[in-house]
PDB file of N, CA and C in Angstrom:
ATOM      1  N   MET A   1       0.847  -1.178   0.000  1.00  0.00           N
ATOM      2  CA  MET A   1       0.000   0.000   0.000  1.00  0.00           C
ATOM      3  C   MET A   1       0.895   1.244   0.000  1.00  0.00           C
ATOM      4  N   SER A   2       0.582   2.205  -0.854  1.00  0.00           N
ATOM      5  CA  SER A   2       1.379   3.432  -0.896  1.00  0.00           C
ATOM      6  C   SER A   2       0.995   4.359   0.257  1.00  0.00           C
ATOM      7  N   GLN A   3       1.942   5.135   0.668  1.00  0.00           N
ATOM      8  CA  GLN A   3       1.687   6.073   1.763  1.00  0.00           C
ATOM      9  C   GLN A   3       1.186   7.390   1.202  1.00  0.00           C
ATOM     10  N   MET A   4       0.165   7.946   1.863  1.00  0.00           N
ATOM     11  CA  MET A   4      -0.365   9.231   1.458  1.00  0.00           C
ATOM     12  C   MET A   4       0.463  10.332   2.123  1.00  0.00           C
ATOM     13  N   LYS A   5       0.844  11.324   1.361  1.00  0.00           N
ATOM     14  CA  LYS A   5       1.580  12.452   1.922  1.00  0.00           C
ATOM     15  C   LYS A   5       0.601  13.559   2.266  1.00  0.00           C
ATOM     16  N   ARG A   6       0.804  14.141   3.411  1.00  0.00           N
ATOM     17  CA  ARG A   6      -0.025  15.263   3.856  1.00  0.00           C
ATOM     18  C   ARG A   6       0.891  16.403   4.263  1.00  0.00           C
ATOM     19  N   GLN A   7       0.378  17.590   4.173  1.00  0.00           N
ATOM     20  CA  GLN A   7       1.158  18.767   4.540  1.00  0.00           C
ATOM     21  C   GLN A   7       0.528  19.426   5.757  1.00  0.00           C
ATOM     22  N   PHE A   8       1.372  19.799   6.719  1.00  0.00           N
ATOM     23  CA  PHE A   8       0.935  20.461   7.935  1.00  0.00           C
ATOM     24  C   PHE A   8       1.766  21.721   8.130  1.00  0.00           C
ATOM     25  N   THR A   9       1.315  22.580   9.033  1.00  0.00           N
ATOM     26  CA  THR A   9       2.037  23.812   9.338  1.00  0.00           C
ATOM     27  C   THR A   9       2.754  23.643  10.668  1.00  0.00           C
ATOM     28  N   ALA A  10       4.081  23.677  10.611  1.00  0.00           N
ATOM     29  CA  ALA A  10       4.898  23.582  11.818  1.00  0.00           C
ATOM     30  C   ALA A  10       5.294  24.990  12.256  1.00  0.00           C
ATOM     31  N   LEU A  11       5.141  25.257  13.537  1.00  0.00           N
ATOM     32  CA  LEU A  11       5.510  26.559  14.101  1.00  0.00           C
ATOM     33  C   LEU A  11       6.594  26.335  15.148  1.00  0.00           C
ATOM     34  N   TYR A  12       7.568  27.228  15.191  1.00  0.00           N
ATOM     35  CA  TYR A  12       8.677  27.130  16.144  1.00  0.00           C
ATOM     36  C   TYR A  12       8.883  28.473  16.821  1.00  0.00           C
ATOM     37  N   LYS A  13       9.278  28.405  18.078  1.00  0.00           N
ATOM     38  CA  LYS A  13       9.528  29.625  18.836  1.00  0.00           C
ATOM     39  C   LYS A  13      10.654  29.351  19.827  1.00  0.00           C
ATOM     40  N   LYS A  14      11.574  30.276  19.919  1.00  0.00           N
ATOM     41  CA  LYS A  14      12.655  30.132  20.898  1.00  0.00           C
ATOM     42  C   LYS A  14      12.162  30.633  22.247  1.00  0.00           C
ATOM     43  N   GLN A  15      12.309  29.791  23.270  1.00  0.00           N
ATOM     44  CA  GLN A  15      11.929  30.162  24.636  1.00  0.00           C
ATOM     45  C   GLN A  15      13.113  29.846  25.536  1.00  0.00           C
ATOM     46  N   GLY A  16      13.811  30.889  25.929  1.00  0.00           N
ATOM     47  CA  GLY A  16      15.010  30.697  26.737  1.00  0.00           C
ATOM     48  C   GLY A  16      16.061  29.961  25.929  1.00  0.00           C
ATOM     49  N   LYS A  17      16.567  28.850  26.466  1.00  0.00           N
ATOM     50  CA  LYS A  17      17.588  28.071  25.775  1.00  0.00           C
ATOM     51  C   LYS A  17      16.990  26.985  24.882  1.00  0.00           C
ATOM     52  N   TRP A  18      15.679  26.887  24.824  1.00  0.00           N
ATOM     53  CA  TRP A  18      14.997  25.837  24.076  1.00  0.00           C
ATOM     54  C   TRP A  18      14.219  26.394  22.896  1.00  0.00           C
ATOM     55  N   TYR A  19      13.995  25.537  21.921  1.00  0.00           N
ATOM     56  CA  TYR A  19      13.061  25.818  20.840  1.00  0.00           C
ATOM     57  C   TYR A  19      11.844  24.938  21.075  1.00  0.00           C
ATOM     58  N   VAL A  20      10.672  25.516  21.013  1.00  0.00           N
ATOM     59  CA  VAL A  20       9.447  24.726  21.102  1.00  0.00           C
ATOM     60  C   VAL A  20       8.810  24.714  19.714  1.00  0.00           C
ATOM     61  N   GLY A  21       8.142  23.630  19.417  1.00  0.00           N
ATOM     62  CA  GLY A  21       7.497  23.498  18.112  1.00  0.00           C
ATOM     63  C   GLY A  21       6.163  22.829  18.265  1.00  0.00           C
ATOM     64  N   TRP A  22       5.225  23.162  17.385  1.00  0.00           N
ATOM     65  CA  TRP A  22       3.905  22.544  17.407  1.00  0.00           C
ATOM     66  C   TRP A  22       3.320  22.559  16.010  1.00  0.00           C
ATOM     67  N   ILE A  23       2.334  21.692  15.820  1.00  0.00           N
ATOM     68  CA  ILE A  23       1.619  21.606  14.545  1.00  0.00           C
ATOM     69  C   ILE A  23       0.326  22.395  14.686  1.00  0.00           C
ATOM     70  N   GLU A  24       0.160  23.369  13.831  1.00  0.00           N
ATOM     71  CA  GLU A  24      -0.979  24.284  13.916  1.00  0.00           C
ATOM     72  C   GLU A  24      -2.323  23.563  13.765  1.00  0.00           C
ATOM     73  N   GLU A  25      -2.375  22.570  12.889  1.00  0.00           N
ATOM     74  CA  GLU A  25      -3.650  21.931  12.573  1.00  0.00           C
ATOM     75  C   GLU A  25      -4.077  20.831  13.555  1.00  0.00           C
ATOM     76  N   ILE A  26      -3.157  20.343  14.376  1.00  0.00           N
ATOM     77  CA  ILE A  26      -3.482  19.214  15.259  1.00  0.00           C
ATOM     78  C   ILE A  26      -3.098  19.551  16.696  1.00  0.00           C
ATOM     79  N   PRO A  27      -4.074  19.872  17.538  1.00  0.00           N
ATOM     80  CA  PRO A  27      -3.773  20.163  18.941  1.00  0.00           C
ATOM     81  C   PRO A  27      -3.090  18.966  19.608  1.00  0.00           C
ATOM     82  N   GLY A  28      -2.129  19.256  20.441  1.00  0.00           N
ATOM     83  CA  GLY A  28      -1.437  18.207  21.181  1.00  0.00           C
ATOM     84  C   GLY A  28      -0.171  17.704  20.536  1.00  0.00           C
ATOM     85  N   VAL A  29       0.093  18.080  19.294  1.00  0.00           N
ATOM     86  CA  VAL A  29       1.349  17.692  18.663  1.00  0.00           C
ATOM     87  C   VAL A  29       2.332  18.832  18.891  1.00  0.00           C
ATOM     88  N   ASN A  30       3.169  18.655  19.905  1.00  0.00           N
ATOM     89  CA  ASN A  30       4.149  19.677  20.242  1.00  0.00           C
ATOM     90  C   ASN A  30       5.379  19.026  20.840  1.00  0.00           C
ATOM     91  N   THR A  31       6.476  19.768  20.838  1.00  0.00           N
ATOM     92  CA  THR A  31       7.736  19.226  21.326  1.00  0.00           C
ATOM     93  C   THR A  31       8.702  20.360  21.603  1.00  0.00           C
ATOM     94  N   GLN A  32       9.921  19.986  21.953  1.00  0.00           N
ATOM     95  CA  GLN A  32      10.969  20.981  22.175  1.00  0.00           C
ATOM     96  C   GLN A  32      12.305  20.379  21.797  1.00  0.00           C
ATOM     97  N   GLY A  33      13.309  21.242  21.686  1.00  0.00           N
ATOM     98  CA  GLY A  33      14.668  20.793  21.405  1.00  0.00           C
ATOM     99  C   GLY A  33      15.649  21.887  21.786  1.00  0.00           C
ATOM    100  N   ARG A  34      16.868  21.495  22.059  1.00  0.00           N
ATOM    101  CA  ARG A  34      17.897  22.490  22.409  1.00  0.00           C
ATOM    102  C   ARG A  34      18.310  23.325  21.205  1.00  0.00           C
ATOM    103  N   THR A  35      18.151  22.747  20.010  1.00  0.00           N
ATOM    104  CA  THR A  35      18.427  23.482  18.771  1.00  0.00           C
ATOM    105  C   THR A  35      17.169  23.446  17.907  1.00  0.00           C
ATOM    106  N   LEU A  36      17.118  24.328  16.929  1.00  0.00           N
ATOM    107  CA  LEU A  36      15.981  24.337  16.015  1.00  0.00           C
ATOM    108  C   LEU A  36      15.920  23.019  15.243  1.00  0.00           C
ATOM    109  N   GLN A  37      17.062  22.525  14.825  1.00  0.00           N
ATOM    110  CA  GLN A  37      17.108  21.252  14.094  1.00  0.00           C
ATOM    111  C   GLN A  37      16.567  20.104  14.943  1.00  0.00           C
ATOM    112  N   GLU A  38      16.944  20.058  16.218  1.00  0.00           N
ATOM    113  CA  GLU A  38      16.454  19.022  17.121  1.00  0.00           C
ATOM    114  C   GLU A  38      14.934  19.140  17.309  1.00  0.00           C
ATOM    115  N   ALA A  39      14.451  20.356  17.457  1.00  0.00           N
ATOM    116  CA  ALA A  39      13.010  20.573  17.610  1.00  0.00           C
ATOM    117  C   ALA A  39      12.265  20.111  16.360  1.00  0.00           C
ATOM    118  N   LYS A  40      12.823  20.367  15.185  1.00  0.00           N
ATOM    119  CA  LYS A  40      12.190  19.936  13.932  1.00  0.00           C
ATOM    120  C   LYS A  40      12.120  18.419  13.843  1.00  0.00           C
ATOM    121  N   LEU A  41      13.203  17.752  14.182  1.00  0.00           N
ATOM    122  CA  LEU A  41      13.214  16.285  14.160  1.00  0.00           C
ATOM    123  C   LEU A  41      12.225  15.715  15.175  1.00  0.00           C
ATOM    124  N   ASN A  42      12.220  16.289  16.371  1.00  0.00           N
ATOM    125  CA  ASN A  42      11.307  15.827  17.419  1.00  0.00           C
ATOM    126  C   ASN A  42       9.850  16.041  17.018  1.00  0.00           C
ATOM    127  N   LEU A  43       9.564  17.163  16.356  1.00  0.00           N
ATOM    128  CA  LEU A  43       8.188  17.457  15.954  1.00  0.00           C
ATOM    129  C   LEU A  43       7.714  16.487  14.875  1.00  0.00           C
ATOM    130  N   LYS A  44       8.586  16.169  13.949  1.00  0.00           N
ATOM    131  CA  LYS A  44       8.233  15.206  12.908  1.00  0.00           C
ATOM    132  C   LYS A  44       7.913  13.842  13.529  1.00  0.00           C
ATOM    133  N   GLU A  45       8.720  13.435  14.496  1.00  0.00           N
ATOM    134  CA  GLU A  45       8.481  12.166  15.179  1.00  0.00           C
ATOM    135  C   GLU A  45       7.163  12.206  15.973  1.00  0.00           C
ATOM    136  N   ALA A  46       6.921  13.309  16.673  1.00  0.00           N
ATOM    137  CA  ALA A  46       5.680  13.444  17.452  1.00  0.00           C
ATOM    138  C   ALA A  46       4.456  13.389  16.535  1.00  0.00           C
ATOM    139  N   LEU A  47       4.524  14.057  15.404  1.00  0.00           N
ATOM    140  CA  LEU A  47       3.412  14.053  14.459  1.00  0.00           C
ATOM    141  C   LEU A  47       3.159  12.649  13.925  1.00  0.00           C
ATOM    142  N   ASN A  48       4.218  11.950  13.543  1.00  0.00           N
ATOM    143  CA  ASN A  48       4.056  10.584  13.051  1.00  0.00           C
ATOM    144  C   ASN A  48       3.433   9.677  14.108  1.00  0.00           C
ATOM    145  N   LEU A  49       3.876   9.810  15.352  1.00  0.00           N
ATOM    146  CA  LEU A  49       3.321   8.986  16.428  1.00  0.00           C
ATOM    147  C   LEU A  49       1.839   9.267  16.655  1.00  0.00           C
ATOM    148  N   VAL A  50       1.450  10.522  16.647  1.00  0.00           N
ATOM    149  CA  VAL A  50       0.043  10.883  16.845  1.00  0.00           C
ATOM    150  C   VAL A  50      -0.809  10.370  15.682  1.00  0.00           C
ATOM    151  N   LEU A  51      -0.328  10.525  14.459  1.00  0.00           N
ATOM    152  CA  LEU A  51      -1.100  10.057  13.305  1.00  0.00           C
ATOM    153  C   LEU A  51      -1.240   8.535  13.311  1.00  0.00           C
ATOM    154  N   GLU A  52      -0.163   7.822  13.639  1.00  0.00           N
ATOM    155  CA  GLU A  52      -0.223   6.357  13.740  1.00  0.00           C
ATOM    156  C   GLU A  52      -1.205   5.925  14.823  1.00  0.00           C
ATOM    157  N   THR A  53      -1.129   6.565  15.979  1.00  0.00           N
ATOM    158  CA  THR A  53      -2.012   6.226  17.094  1.00  0.00           C
ATOM    159  C   THR A  53      -3.464   6.501  16.736  1.00  0.00           C
ATOM    160  N   ASN A  54      -3.733   7.649  16.129  1.00  0.00           N
ATOM    161  CA  ASN A  54      -5.107   7.976  15.737  1.00  0.00           C
ATOM    162  C   ASN A  54      -5.656   6.955  14.745  1.00  0.00           C
ATOM    163  N   LYS A  55      -4.813   6.503  13.824  1.00  0.00           N
ATOM    164  CA  LYS A  55      -5.254   5.516  12.849  1.00  0.00           C
ATOM    165  C   LYS A  55      -5.567   4.190  13.538  1.00  0.00           C
ATOM    166  N   LEU A  56      -4.718   3.774  14.463  1.00  0.00           N
ATOM    167  CA  LEU A  56      -4.965   2.537  15.204  1.00  0.00           C
ATOM    168  C   LEU A  56      -6.244   2.625  16.032  1.00  0.00           C
ATOM    169  N   LEU A  57      -6.454   3.757  16.695  1.00  0.00           N
ATOM    170  CA  LEU A  57      -7.643   3.929  17.530  1.00  0.00           C
ATOM    171  C   LEU A  57      -8.931   3.985  16.720  1.00  0.00           C
ATOM    172  N   SER A  58      -8.826   4.428  15.483  1.00  0.00           N
ATOM    173  CA  SER A  58     -10.026   4.536  14.644  1.00  0.00           C
ATOM    174  C   SER A  58     -10.334   3.242  13.915  1.00  0.00           C
ATOM    175  N   GLY A  59      -9.538   2.226  14.115  1.00  0.00           N
ATOM    176  CA  GLY A  59      -9.793   0.945  13.463  1.00  0.00           C
ATOM    177  C   GLY A  59      -8.943   0.715  12.239  1.00  0.00           C
ATOM    178  N   GLY A  60      -8.060   1.661  11.922  1.00  0.00           N
ATOM    179  CA  GLY A  60      -7.175   1.490  10.775  1.00  0.00           C
ATOM    180  C   GLY A  60      -7.944   1.314   9.481  1.00  0.00           C
ATOM    181  N   SER A  61      -7.317   0.737   8.501  1.00  0.00           N
ATOM    182  CA  SER A  61      -7.956   0.558   7.194  1.00  0.00           C
ATOM    183  C   SER A  61      -8.720  -0.762   7.115  1.00  0.00           C
ATOM    184  N   GLU A  62      -8.696  -1.568   8.170  1.00  0.00           N
ATOM    185  CA  GLU A  62      -9.358  -2.873   8.170  1.00  0.00           C
ATOM    186  C   GLU A  62     -10.838  -2.784   8.526  1.00  0.00           C
ATOM    187  N   ASP A  63     -11.269  -1.726   9.177  1.00  0.00           N
ATOM    188  CA  ASP A  63     -12.650  -1.610   9.641  1.00  0.00           C
ATOM    189  C   ASP A  63     -13.555  -1.258   8.461  1.00  0.00           C
ATOM    190  N   ARG A  64     -14.383  -2.223   8.040  1.00  0.00           N
ATOM    191  CA  ARG A  64     -15.266  -2.028   6.881  1.00  0.00           C
ATOM    192  C   ARG A  64     -16.526  -1.249   7.235  1.00  0.00           C
ATOM    193  N   GLU A  65     -16.818  -1.049   8.517  1.00  0.00           N
ATOM    194  CA  GLU A  65     -18.018  -0.328   8.924  1.00  0.00           C
ATOM    195  C   GLU A  65     -17.805   1.180   8.971  1.00  0.00           C
ATOM    196  N   VAL A  66     -16.592   1.605   8.812  1.00  0.00           N
ATOM    197  CA  VAL A  66     -16.254   3.028   8.872  1.00  0.00           C
ATOM    198  C   VAL A  66     -16.252   3.603   7.464  1.00  0.00           C
ATOM    199  N   ILE A  67     -16.904   4.729   7.298  1.00  0.00           N
ATOM    200  CA  ILE A  67     -16.849   5.449   6.025  1.00  0.00           C
ATOM    201  C   ILE A  67     -15.666   6.405   6.108  1.00  0.00           C
ATOM    202  N   ARG A  68     -14.723   6.228   5.226  1.00  0.00           N
ATOM    203  CA  ARG A  68     -13.507   7.035   5.245  1.00  0.00           C
ATOM    204  C   ARG A  68     -13.436   7.814   3.933  1.00  0.00           C
ATOM    205  N   GLU A  69     -13.267   9.123   4.024  1.00  0.00           N
ATOM    206  CA  GLU A  69     -13.169   9.940   2.825  1.00  0.00           C
ATOM    207  C   GLU A  69     -12.291  11.149   3.094  1.00  0.00           C
ATOM    208  N   SER A  70     -11.761  11.694   2.051  1.00  0.00           N
ATOM    209  CA  SER A  70     -10.968  12.916   2.162  1.00  0.00           C
ATOM    210  C   SER A  70     -11.902  14.093   2.393  1.00  0.00           C
ATOM    211  N   LEU A  71     -11.444  15.036   3.158  1.00  0.00           N
ATOM    212  CA  LEU A  71     -12.227  16.230   3.454  1.00  0.00           C
ATOM    213  C   LEU A  71     -11.309  17.427   3.305  1.00  0.00           C
ATOM    214  N   MET A  72     -11.690  18.363   2.455  1.00  0.00           N
ATOM    215  CA  MET A  72     -10.875  19.541   2.253  1.00  0.00           C
ATOM    216  C   MET A  72     -11.694  20.775   2.621  1.00  0.00           C
ATOM    217  N   VAL A  73     -11.095  21.676   3.383  1.00  0.00           N
ATOM    218  CA  VAL A  73     -11.755  22.920   3.734  1.00  0.00           C
ATOM    219  C   VAL A  73     -10.836  24.083   3.399  1.00  0.00           C
ATOM    220  N   ALA A  74     -11.409  25.207   3.135  1.00  0.00           N
ATOM    221  CA  ALA A  74     -10.643  26.414   2.871  1.00  0.00           C
ATOM    222  C   ALA A  74     -10.757  27.318   4.090  1.00  0.00           C
ATOM    223  N   LEU A  75      -9.628  27.748   4.601  1.00  0.00           N
ATOM    224  CA  LEU A  75      -9.622  28.625   5.766  1.00  0.00           C
ATOM    225  C   LEU A  75      -9.218  30.020   5.380  1.00  0.00           C
TER     226      LEU A  75
END
């Protein structure tokens, strides 16, 4: 099965000696790092973990009773 690519908005802010990062579209996906590069890597990992977990909790692609469709909105 091919992987679907999605695009998200990553935001970063320096707070003291740390960089914090979060995904604008998904509450709860946030992280920190001592460098901006570390924060970026950590955020990518956090996002992947949340997306994997959400897919598992929703029944994944095996649940035939779930209607799954793409949804696009303009903000």
